[in-house]
Amino acid sequence: MSFDNLAERIANKDERAFEELYKKINKAVFSVCFGVIKNEAVAIELSQDTFIAVWNNVNSFRGTGFKTWILTIAKNKSINYLNKRKKEVITDFSEDEYYVSNSDYNIEDSVILKCAIEKLNEIDREIVLLKNSGMKMKEIAEYLKIPRGTISWRYSEALKILKKEIEVVR
């Protein structure tokens, strides 16, 4: 079922449609949040906030591009979180500890990969994270409003940079 059809069903408060939507797009939403925040625990929380916002505001969605609309909500929530955080004094390191302890990789690989990803510029980092979350190049191009060929090229170049950065460390 298409995302736009799901929007219509969710607007009618169809919980099964919402569950289907979550299964289809939760990795992409997380990737957008993580790409901005770079903290797993916070990205999970912002992902959940995104889905709550979708459920509560689906009636304000108009037209087509439901998936893009959702990813835009995720990005905006993440940016808003960062802006709010910049105004606070950061003294709690427990979230970073949570990220490391719950990683599927060993700690060394996780740190190496995180450092390598941080070397990418914001657009390339977002492309890599979205692609690795399962999005197709065409979907990424539509979401970022960048030509598909440019997305493919930037993804390829970003992978070369990541490979080089990882090889330098090892």
N, C-alpha and C. Protein backbone atom coordinates (compact mmCIF):
# COMPACT_ATOMS: atom_id res chain seq x y z
N MET A 1 0.85 -1.19 0.00
CA MET A 1 0.00 0.00 0.00
C MET A 1 0.88 1.24 0.00
N SER A 2 0.49 2.25 -0.75
CA SER A 2 1.30 3.47 -0.86
C SER A 2 1.19 4.31 0.41
N PHE A 3 2.18 5.15 0.59
CA PHE A 3 2.20 6.02 1.76
C PHE A 3 1.00 6.97 1.77
N ASP A 4 0.64 7.47 0.60
CA ASP A 4 -0.48 8.40 0.54
C ASP A 4 -1.81 7.73 0.90
N ASN A 5 -1.96 6.45 0.54
CA ASN A 5 -3.16 5.71 0.94
C ASN A 5 -3.17 5.49 2.45
N LEU A 6 -1.99 5.24 3.01
CA LEU A 6 -1.90 5.09 4.46
C LEU A 6 -2.31 6.38 5.17
N ALA A 7 -1.95 7.51 4.60
CA ALA A 7 -2.30 8.81 5.19
C ALA A 7 -3.80 8.94 5.34
N GLU A 8 -4.50 8.55 4.31
CA GLU A 8 -5.96 8.63 4.32
C GLU A 8 -6.54 7.74 5.41
N ARG A 9 -6.02 6.53 5.51
CA ARG A 9 -6.51 5.59 6.52
C ARG A 9 -6.17 6.06 7.94
N ILE A 10 -4.97 6.62 8.10
CA ILE A 10 -4.55 7.10 9.42
C ILE A 10 -5.39 8.31 9.82
N ALA A 11 -5.76 9.14 8.85
CA ALA A 11 -6.62 10.29 9.13
C ALA A 11 -7.96 9.82 9.70
N ASN A 12 -8.36 8.60 9.33
CA ASN A 12 -9.59 8.01 9.87
C ASN A 12 -9.33 7.21 11.14
N LYS A 13 -8.13 7.40 11.72
CA LYS A 13 -7.70 6.76 12.97
C LYS A 13 -7.63 5.23 12.88
N ASP A 14 -7.18 4.74 11.74
CA ASP A 14 -6.97 3.31 11.52
C ASP A 14 -5.63 2.92 12.13
N GLU A 15 -5.68 2.23 13.27
CA GLU A 15 -4.47 1.88 14.00
C GLU A 15 -3.61 0.86 13.23
N ARG A 16 -4.23 -0.01 12.48
CA ARG A 16 -3.45 -0.98 11.68
C ARG A 16 -2.67 -0.27 10.58
N ALA A 17 -3.26 0.73 9.99
CA ALA A 17 -2.55 1.51 8.97
C ALA A 17 -1.36 2.24 9.60
N PHE A 18 -1.56 2.74 10.80
CA PHE A 18 -0.48 3.43 11.50
C PHE A 18 0.65 2.45 11.84
N GLU A 19 0.29 1.25 12.25
CA GLU A 19 1.29 0.22 12.53
C GLU A 19 2.06 -0.15 11.27
N GLU A 20 1.36 -0.27 10.15
CA GLU A 20 2.00 -0.56 8.87
C GLU A 20 2.95 0.57 8.48
N LEU A 21 2.51 1.80 8.65
CA LEU A 21 3.36 2.95 8.37
C LEU A 21 4.62 2.89 9.21
N TYR A 22 4.47 2.62 10.49
CA TYR A 22 5.62 2.56 11.40
C TYR A 22 6.62 1.51 10.93
N LYS A 23 6.14 0.35 10.57
CA LYS A 23 7.03 -0.73 10.11
C LYS A 23 7.77 -0.34 8.84
N LYS A 24 7.11 0.42 7.96
CA LYS A 24 7.71 0.80 6.68
C LYS A 24 8.75 1.91 6.81
N ILE A 25 8.57 2.80 7.75
CA ILE A 25 9.38 4.03 7.73
C ILE A 25 10.15 4.31 9.02
N ASN A 26 10.01 3.48 10.04
CA ASN A 26 10.65 3.81 11.32
C ASN A 26 12.17 3.91 11.21
N LYS A 27 12.81 3.08 10.38
CA LYS A 27 14.28 3.17 10.24
C LYS A 27 14.69 4.48 9.58
N ALA A 28 13.93 4.91 8.59
CA ALA A 28 14.25 6.17 7.91
C ALA A 28 14.07 7.35 8.86
N VAL A 29 13.00 7.33 9.65
CA VAL A 29 12.76 8.41 10.62
C VAL A 29 13.91 8.45 11.63
N PHE A 30 14.29 7.28 12.14
CA PHE A 30 15.41 7.23 13.09
C PHE A 30 16.68 7.77 12.44
N SER A 31 16.94 7.38 11.20
CA SER A 31 18.16 7.83 10.52
C SER A 31 18.20 9.35 10.35
N VAL A 32 17.06 9.94 10.04
CA VAL A 32 17.01 11.41 9.92
C VAL A 32 17.33 12.04 11.27
N CYS A 33 16.69 11.54 12.33
CA CYS A 33 16.93 12.10 13.67
C CYS A 33 18.38 11.89 14.09
N PHE A 34 18.88 10.68 13.91
CA PHE A 34 20.26 10.38 14.30
C PHE A 34 21.26 11.19 13.49
N GLY A 35 20.95 11.41 12.23
CA GLY A 35 21.83 12.19 11.37
C GLY A 35 22.00 13.62 11.87
N VAL A 36 20.98 14.16 12.49
CA VAL A 36 21.05 15.52 13.02
C VAL A 36 21.60 15.51 14.44
N ILE A 37 21.11 14.60 15.27
CA ILE A 37 21.41 14.60 16.70
C ILE A 37 22.72 13.87 17.04
N LYS A 38 22.99 12.77 16.35
CA LYS A 38 24.18 11.94 16.58
C LYS A 38 24.19 11.32 17.98
N ASN A 39 23.00 11.00 18.48
CA ASN A 39 22.88 10.37 19.78
C ASN A 39 21.72 9.37 19.67
N GLU A 40 22.01 8.10 19.87
CA GLU A 40 21.02 7.06 19.65
C GLU A 40 19.79 7.20 20.55
N ALA A 41 19.99 7.41 21.83
CA ALA A 41 18.87 7.50 22.76
C ALA A 41 17.94 8.66 22.42
N VAL A 42 18.51 9.80 22.12
CA VAL A 42 17.71 10.98 21.78
C VAL A 42 17.02 10.78 20.44
N ALA A 43 17.73 10.16 19.49
CA ALA A 43 17.13 9.90 18.17
C ALA A 43 15.93 8.97 18.29
N ILE A 44 16.01 7.99 19.16
CA ILE A 44 14.87 7.09 19.39
C ILE A 44 13.69 7.88 19.94
N GLU A 45 13.96 8.73 20.91
CA GLU A 45 12.90 9.55 21.52
C GLU A 45 12.27 10.49 20.49
N LEU A 46 13.10 11.15 19.69
CA LEU A 46 12.59 12.07 18.68
C LEU A 46 11.82 11.32 17.59
N SER A 47 12.23 10.10 17.30
CA SER A 47 11.50 9.27 16.34
C SER A 47 10.09 9.00 16.85
N GLN A 48 10.01 8.64 18.12
CA GLN A 48 8.69 8.39 18.71
C GLN A 48 7.84 9.67 18.71
N ASP A 49 8.46 10.79 19.03
CA ASP A 49 7.75 12.07 18.99
C ASP A 49 7.24 12.37 17.59
N THR A 50 8.02 12.00 16.59
CA THR A 50 7.62 12.21 15.20
C THR A 50 6.35 11.42 14.90
N PHE A 51 6.31 10.16 15.30
CA PHE A 51 5.13 9.34 15.02
C PHE A 51 3.91 9.83 15.79
N ILE A 52 4.11 10.34 16.98
CA ILE A 52 2.99 10.92 17.73
C ILE A 52 2.46 12.14 16.99
N ALA A 53 3.38 12.96 16.48
CA ALA A 53 2.97 14.15 15.73
C ALA A 53 2.23 13.76 14.45
N VAL A 54 2.69 12.71 13.79
CA VAL A 54 2.00 12.24 12.58
C VAL A 54 0.57 11.82 12.92
N TRP A 55 0.42 11.03 13.96
CA TRP A 55 -0.92 10.56 14.38
C TRP A 55 -1.83 11.74 14.72
N ASN A 56 -1.29 12.71 15.45
CA ASN A 56 -2.10 13.84 15.90
C ASN A 56 -2.37 14.89 14.82
N ASN A 57 -1.51 14.96 13.81
CA ASN A 57 -1.62 16.05 12.83
C ASN A 57 -1.84 15.57 11.40
N VAL A 58 -2.15 14.31 11.21
CA VAL A 58 -2.29 13.77 9.86
C VAL A 58 -3.35 14.51 9.05
N ASN A 59 -4.33 15.08 9.70
CA ASN A 59 -5.38 15.82 8.98
C ASN A 59 -4.85 17.10 8.34
N SER A 60 -3.68 17.58 8.78
CA SER A 60 -3.10 18.78 8.17
C SER A 60 -2.28 18.43 6.93
N PHE A 61 -2.05 17.13 6.67
CA PHE A 61 -1.34 16.72 5.47
C PHE A 61 -2.23 16.89 4.26
N ARG A 62 -1.66 17.49 3.21
CA ARG A 62 -2.43 17.72 1.97
C ARG A 62 -1.65 17.16 0.78
N GLY A 63 -2.35 16.53 -0.12
CA GLY A 63 -1.75 16.12 -1.38
C GLY A 63 -0.98 14.82 -1.30
N THR A 64 0.16 14.81 -1.98
CA THR A 64 0.98 13.61 -2.05
C THR A 64 2.31 13.87 -1.35
N GLY A 65 3.09 12.82 -1.18
CA GLY A 65 4.39 12.97 -0.53
C GLY A 65 4.31 12.79 0.97
N PHE A 66 3.49 11.84 1.40
CA PHE A 66 3.31 11.60 2.84
C PHE A 66 4.63 11.21 3.51
N LYS A 67 5.42 10.38 2.84
CA LYS A 67 6.70 9.96 3.41
C LYS A 67 7.62 11.16 3.60
N THR A 68 7.68 12.02 2.61
CA THR A 68 8.51 13.23 2.70
C THR A 68 8.01 14.13 3.83
N TRP A 69 6.71 14.23 3.97
CA TRP A 69 6.11 15.04 5.04
C TRP A 69 6.55 14.52 6.40
N ILE A 70 6.54 13.21 6.57
CA ILE A 70 6.94 12.60 7.85
C ILE A 70 8.42 12.84 8.12
N LEU A 71 9.26 12.64 7.11
CA LEU A 71 10.70 12.84 7.29
C LEU A 71 11.03 14.31 7.59
N THR A 72 10.25 15.21 7.04
CA THR A 72 10.43 16.63 7.33
C THR A 72 10.08 16.93 8.79
N ILE A 73 9.03 16.29 9.29
CA ILE A 73 8.67 16.44 10.71
C ILE A 73 9.84 15.95 11.58
N ALA A 74 10.40 14.79 11.22
CA ALA A 74 11.52 14.23 11.99
C ALA A 74 12.71 15.19 11.99
N LYS A 75 13.03 15.72 10.83
CA LYS A 75 14.17 16.64 10.72
C LYS A 75 13.92 17.90 11.54
N ASN A 76 12.72 18.46 11.43
CA ASN A 76 12.40 19.68 12.17
C ASN A 76 12.41 19.45 13.67
N LYS A 77 11.90 18.31 14.13
CA LYS A 77 11.94 18.00 15.55
C LYS A 77 13.38 17.90 16.04
N SER A 78 14.23 17.30 15.22
CA SER A 78 15.64 17.15 15.59
C SER A 78 16.35 18.50 15.65
N ILE A 79 16.10 19.34 14.67
CA ILE A 79 16.72 20.67 14.65
C ILE A 79 16.22 21.50 15.83
N ASN A 80 14.93 21.41 16.11
CA ASN A 80 14.38 22.13 17.27
C ASN A 80 15.02 21.66 18.57
N TYR A 81 15.22 20.34 18.67
CA TYR A 81 15.88 19.79 19.86
C TYR A 81 17.29 20.36 20.00
N LEU A 82 18.04 20.38 18.90
CA LEU A 82 19.41 20.92 18.94
C LEU A 82 19.41 22.39 19.34
N ASN A 83 18.51 23.16 18.77
CA ASN A 83 18.43 24.59 19.10
C ASN A 83 18.12 24.79 20.58
N LYS A 84 17.22 23.96 21.11
CA LYS A 84 16.87 24.05 22.53
C LYS A 84 18.07 23.65 23.38
N ARG A 85 18.78 22.60 22.97
CA ARG A 85 19.95 22.11 23.72
C ARG A 85 21.07 23.13 23.76
N LYS A 86 21.23 23.88 22.67
CA LYS A 86 22.30 24.88 22.61
C LYS A 86 22.13 25.94 23.69
N LYS A 87 20.89 26.15 24.11
CA LYS A 87 20.60 27.16 25.12
C LYS A 87 20.83 26.64 26.53
N GLU A 88 20.97 25.32 26.68
CA GLU A 88 21.14 24.71 27.99
C GLU A 88 22.62 24.41 28.24
N VAL A 89 22.98 24.34 29.48
CA VAL A 89 24.33 23.89 29.83
C VAL A 89 24.29 22.38 29.89
N ILE A 90 25.16 21.72 29.11
CA ILE A 90 25.15 20.27 29.04
C ILE A 90 26.07 19.71 30.12
N THR A 91 25.46 18.99 31.07
CA THR A 91 26.26 18.39 32.13
C THR A 91 25.97 16.90 32.27
N ASP A 92 24.98 16.37 31.56
CA ASP A 92 24.59 14.97 31.69
C ASP A 92 25.22 14.16 30.56
N PHE A 93 26.11 13.26 30.91
CA PHE A 93 26.78 12.44 29.92
C PHE A 93 26.17 11.05 29.81
N SER A 94 25.11 10.78 30.54
CA SER A 94 24.54 9.44 30.57
C SER A 94 24.00 9.01 29.21
N GLU A 95 23.51 9.94 28.39
CA GLU A 95 22.98 9.56 27.08
C GLU A 95 24.08 9.01 26.18
N ASP A 96 25.27 9.61 26.20
CA ASP A 96 26.38 9.11 25.41
C ASP A 96 26.81 7.72 25.88
N GLU A 97 26.78 7.50 27.17
CA GLU A 97 27.11 6.18 27.70
C GLU A 97 26.09 5.16 27.21
N TYR A 98 24.81 5.55 27.16
CA TYR A 98 23.78 4.64 26.67
C TYR A 98 24.04 4.27 25.23
N TYR A 99 24.44 5.25 24.42
CA TYR A 99 24.71 4.98 23.01
C TYR A 99 25.78 3.91 22.85
N VAL A 100 26.86 4.04 23.58
CA VAL A 100 27.97 3.10 23.44
C VAL A 100 27.57 1.73 23.96
N SER A 101 26.88 1.68 25.10
CA SER A 101 26.60 0.38 25.71
C SER A 101 25.55 -0.41 24.94
N ASN A 102 24.69 0.25 24.19
CA ASN A 102 23.64 -0.46 23.48
C ASN A 102 23.94 -0.67 22.00
N SER A 103 25.14 -0.41 21.60
CA SER A 103 25.52 -0.55 20.21
C SER A 103 25.61 -2.02 19.82
N ASP A 104 25.25 -2.32 18.55
CA ASP A 104 25.37 -3.68 18.04
C ASP A 104 26.82 -4.01 17.69
N TYR A 105 27.67 -3.02 17.61
CA TYR A 105 29.07 -3.21 17.27
C TYR A 105 29.88 -3.27 18.55
N ASN A 106 31.11 -3.70 18.45
CA ASN A 106 31.94 -3.56 19.63
C ASN A 106 32.26 -2.08 19.78
N ILE A 107 32.71 -1.69 20.95
CA ILE A 107 32.89 -0.28 21.26
C ILE A 107 33.88 0.38 20.30
N GLU A 108 34.98 -0.30 20.01
CA GLU A 108 35.99 0.28 19.14
C GLU A 108 35.44 0.56 17.74
N ASP A 109 34.72 -0.40 17.16
CA ASP A 109 34.13 -0.20 15.83
C ASP A 109 33.10 0.92 15.85
N SER A 110 32.33 0.99 16.91
CA SER A 110 31.31 2.02 17.02
C SER A 110 31.94 3.41 17.04
N VAL A 111 33.00 3.57 17.80
CA VAL A 111 33.68 4.86 17.89
C VAL A 111 34.33 5.22 16.56
N ILE A 112 34.96 4.24 15.92
CA ILE A 112 35.61 4.48 14.63
C ILE A 112 34.59 4.92 13.59
N LEU A 113 33.46 4.20 13.51
CA LEU A 113 32.43 4.53 12.54
C LEU A 113 31.82 5.90 12.83
N LYS A 114 31.55 6.17 14.09
CA LYS A 114 30.96 7.47 14.45
C LYS A 114 31.91 8.61 14.07
N CYS A 115 33.18 8.45 14.35
CA CYS A 115 34.17 9.49 13.99
C CYS A 115 34.26 9.66 12.48
N ALA A 116 34.23 8.54 11.76
CA ALA A 116 34.30 8.62 10.29
C ALA A 116 33.08 9.33 9.72
N ILE A 117 31.89 9.01 10.23
CA ILE A 117 30.65 9.63 9.75
C ILE A 117 30.66 11.12 10.05
N GLU A 118 31.22 11.50 11.18
CA GLU A 118 31.28 12.92 11.54
C GLU A 118 32.19 13.72 10.62
N LYS A 119 33.08 13.04 9.90
CA LYS A 119 33.98 13.72 8.95
C LYS A 119 33.22 14.15 7.68
N LEU A 120 32.06 13.52 7.44
CA LEU A 120 31.27 13.86 6.26
C LEU A 120 30.56 15.19 6.48
N ASN A 121 30.30 15.91 5.39
CA ASN A 121 29.49 17.12 5.55
C ASN A 121 28.05 16.70 5.82
N GLU A 122 27.24 17.65 6.24
CA GLU A 122 25.88 17.34 6.70
C GLU A 122 25.04 16.62 5.64
N ILE A 123 25.09 17.08 4.41
CA ILE A 123 24.28 16.48 3.33
C ILE A 123 24.74 15.05 3.06
N ASP A 124 26.05 14.85 2.93
CA ASP A 124 26.57 13.50 2.65
C ASP A 124 26.25 12.55 3.80
N ARG A 125 26.38 13.03 5.03
CA ARG A 125 26.06 12.20 6.20
C ARG A 125 24.58 11.78 6.16
N GLU A 126 23.72 12.73 5.82
CA GLU A 126 22.29 12.44 5.76
C GLU A 126 21.99 11.43 4.64
N ILE A 127 22.64 11.58 3.51
CA ILE A 127 22.46 10.64 2.40
C ILE A 127 22.87 9.23 2.82
N VAL A 128 24.04 9.10 3.45
CA VAL A 128 24.53 7.78 3.89
C VAL A 128 23.57 7.16 4.90
N LEU A 129 23.14 7.94 5.88
CA LEU A 129 22.25 7.40 6.91
C LEU A 129 20.89 7.01 6.33
N LEU A 130 20.36 7.82 5.42
CA LEU A 130 19.07 7.49 4.81
C LEU A 130 19.19 6.25 3.93
N LYS A 131 20.25 6.16 3.15
CA LYS A 131 20.45 4.99 2.29
C LYS A 131 20.61 3.72 3.14
N ASN A 132 21.36 3.82 4.20
CA ASN A 132 21.56 2.65 5.06
C ASN A 132 20.34 2.31 5.91
N SER A 133 19.38 3.21 5.96
CA SER A 133 18.12 2.90 6.66
C SER A 133 17.13 2.19 5.75
N GLY A 134 17.51 2.06 4.45
CA GLY A 134 16.65 1.32 3.53
C GLY A 134 15.97 2.17 2.47
N MET A 135 16.18 3.46 2.50
CA MET A 135 15.55 4.31 1.48
C MET A 135 16.25 4.11 0.14
N LYS A 136 15.49 4.25 -0.93
CA LYS A 136 16.03 4.17 -2.28
C LYS A 136 16.57 5.54 -2.68
N MET A 137 17.50 5.52 -3.64
CA MET A 137 18.10 6.78 -4.10
C MET A 137 17.03 7.77 -4.57
N LYS A 138 16.02 7.27 -5.26
CA LYS A 138 14.94 8.13 -5.76
C LYS A 138 14.21 8.81 -4.60
N GLU A 139 13.94 8.05 -3.53
CA GLU A 139 13.25 8.62 -2.36
C GLU A 139 14.12 9.66 -1.66
N ILE A 140 15.41 9.37 -1.56
CA ILE A 140 16.33 10.33 -0.93
C ILE A 140 16.37 11.61 -1.76
N ALA A 141 16.42 11.47 -3.08
CA ALA A 141 16.45 12.63 -3.97
C ALA A 141 15.20 13.48 -3.78
N GLU A 142 14.05 12.84 -3.70
CA GLU A 142 12.80 13.58 -3.50
C GLU A 142 12.78 14.27 -2.15
N TYR A 143 13.23 13.56 -1.12
CA TYR A 143 13.23 14.12 0.23
C TYR A 143 14.17 15.32 0.34
N LEU A 144 15.37 15.20 -0.20
CA LEU A 144 16.36 16.26 -0.08
C LEU A 144 16.24 17.32 -1.19
N LYS A 145 15.38 17.03 -2.18
CA LYS A 145 15.19 17.94 -3.31
C LYS A 145 16.52 18.18 -4.05
N ILE A 146 17.22 17.07 -4.30
CA ILE A 146 18.49 17.07 -5.02
C ILE A 146 18.34 16.04 -6.14
N PRO A 147 18.87 16.31 -7.34
CA PRO A 147 18.74 15.34 -8.44
C PRO A 147 19.28 13.96 -8.04
N ARG A 148 18.61 12.94 -8.57
CA ARG A 148 18.95 11.56 -8.23
C ARG A 148 20.41 11.23 -8.57
N GLY A 149 20.89 11.68 -9.71
CA GLY A 149 22.28 11.44 -10.11
C GLY A 149 23.26 12.04 -9.12
N THR A 150 22.94 13.21 -8.61
CA THR A 150 23.79 13.87 -7.63
C THR A 150 23.80 13.08 -6.33
N ILE A 151 22.64 12.55 -5.94
CA ILE A 151 22.55 11.72 -4.73
C ILE A 151 23.44 10.50 -4.88
N SER A 152 23.35 9.82 -6.01
CA SER A 152 24.16 8.62 -6.25
C SER A 152 25.65 8.94 -6.21
N TRP A 153 26.03 10.03 -6.85
CA TRP A 153 27.43 10.43 -6.87
C TRP A 153 27.92 10.78 -5.46
N ARG A 154 27.13 11.57 -4.74
CA ARG A 154 27.52 11.98 -3.38
C ARG A 154 27.61 10.78 -2.45
N TYR A 155 26.69 9.82 -2.61
CA TYR A 155 26.72 8.61 -1.79
C TYR A 155 28.01 7.83 -2.06
N SER A 156 28.35 7.68 -3.32
CA SER A 156 29.57 6.97 -3.70
C SER A 156 30.80 7.67 -3.14
N GLU A 157 30.86 8.98 -3.26
CA GLU A 157 32.00 9.74 -2.75
C GLU A 157 32.07 9.67 -1.22
N ALA A 158 30.92 9.70 -0.57
CA ALA A 158 30.88 9.61 0.89
C ALA A 158 31.41 8.26 1.36
N LEU A 159 31.05 7.19 0.65
CA LEU A 159 31.55 5.86 1.01
C LEU A 159 33.06 5.78 0.86
N LYS A 160 33.59 6.44 -0.17
CA LYS A 160 35.05 6.48 -0.35
C LYS A 160 35.72 7.19 0.83
N ILE A 161 35.12 8.29 1.25
CA ILE A 161 35.66 9.04 2.39
C ILE A 161 35.61 8.19 3.66
N LEU A 162 34.47 7.52 3.87
CA LEU A 162 34.34 6.66 5.06
C LEU A 162 35.39 5.55 5.04
N LYS A 163 35.56 4.92 3.90
CA LYS A 163 36.54 3.84 3.78
C LYS A 163 37.94 4.35 4.10
N LYS A 164 38.28 5.51 3.54
CA LYS A 164 39.59 6.10 3.78
C LYS A 164 39.79 6.43 5.25
N GLU A 165 38.79 7.03 5.88
CA GLU A 165 38.88 7.40 7.29
C GLU A 165 39.04 6.17 8.19
N ILE A 166 38.31 5.12 7.87
CA ILE A 166 38.39 3.90 8.67
C ILE A 166 39.75 3.23 8.50
N GLU A 167 40.26 3.24 7.27
CA GLU A 167 41.59 2.65 7.02
C GLU A 167 42.69 3.42 7.73
N VAL A 168 42.57 4.73 7.83
CA VAL A 168 43.56 5.54 8.52
C VAL A 168 43.63 5.16 10.00
N VAL A 169 42.49 4.94 10.59
CA VAL A 169 42.43 4.62 12.01
C VAL A 169 42.96 3.21 12.29
N ARG A 170 42.68 2.29 11.41
CA ARG A 170 43.08 0.91 11.64
C ARG A 170 44.50 0.76 11.22
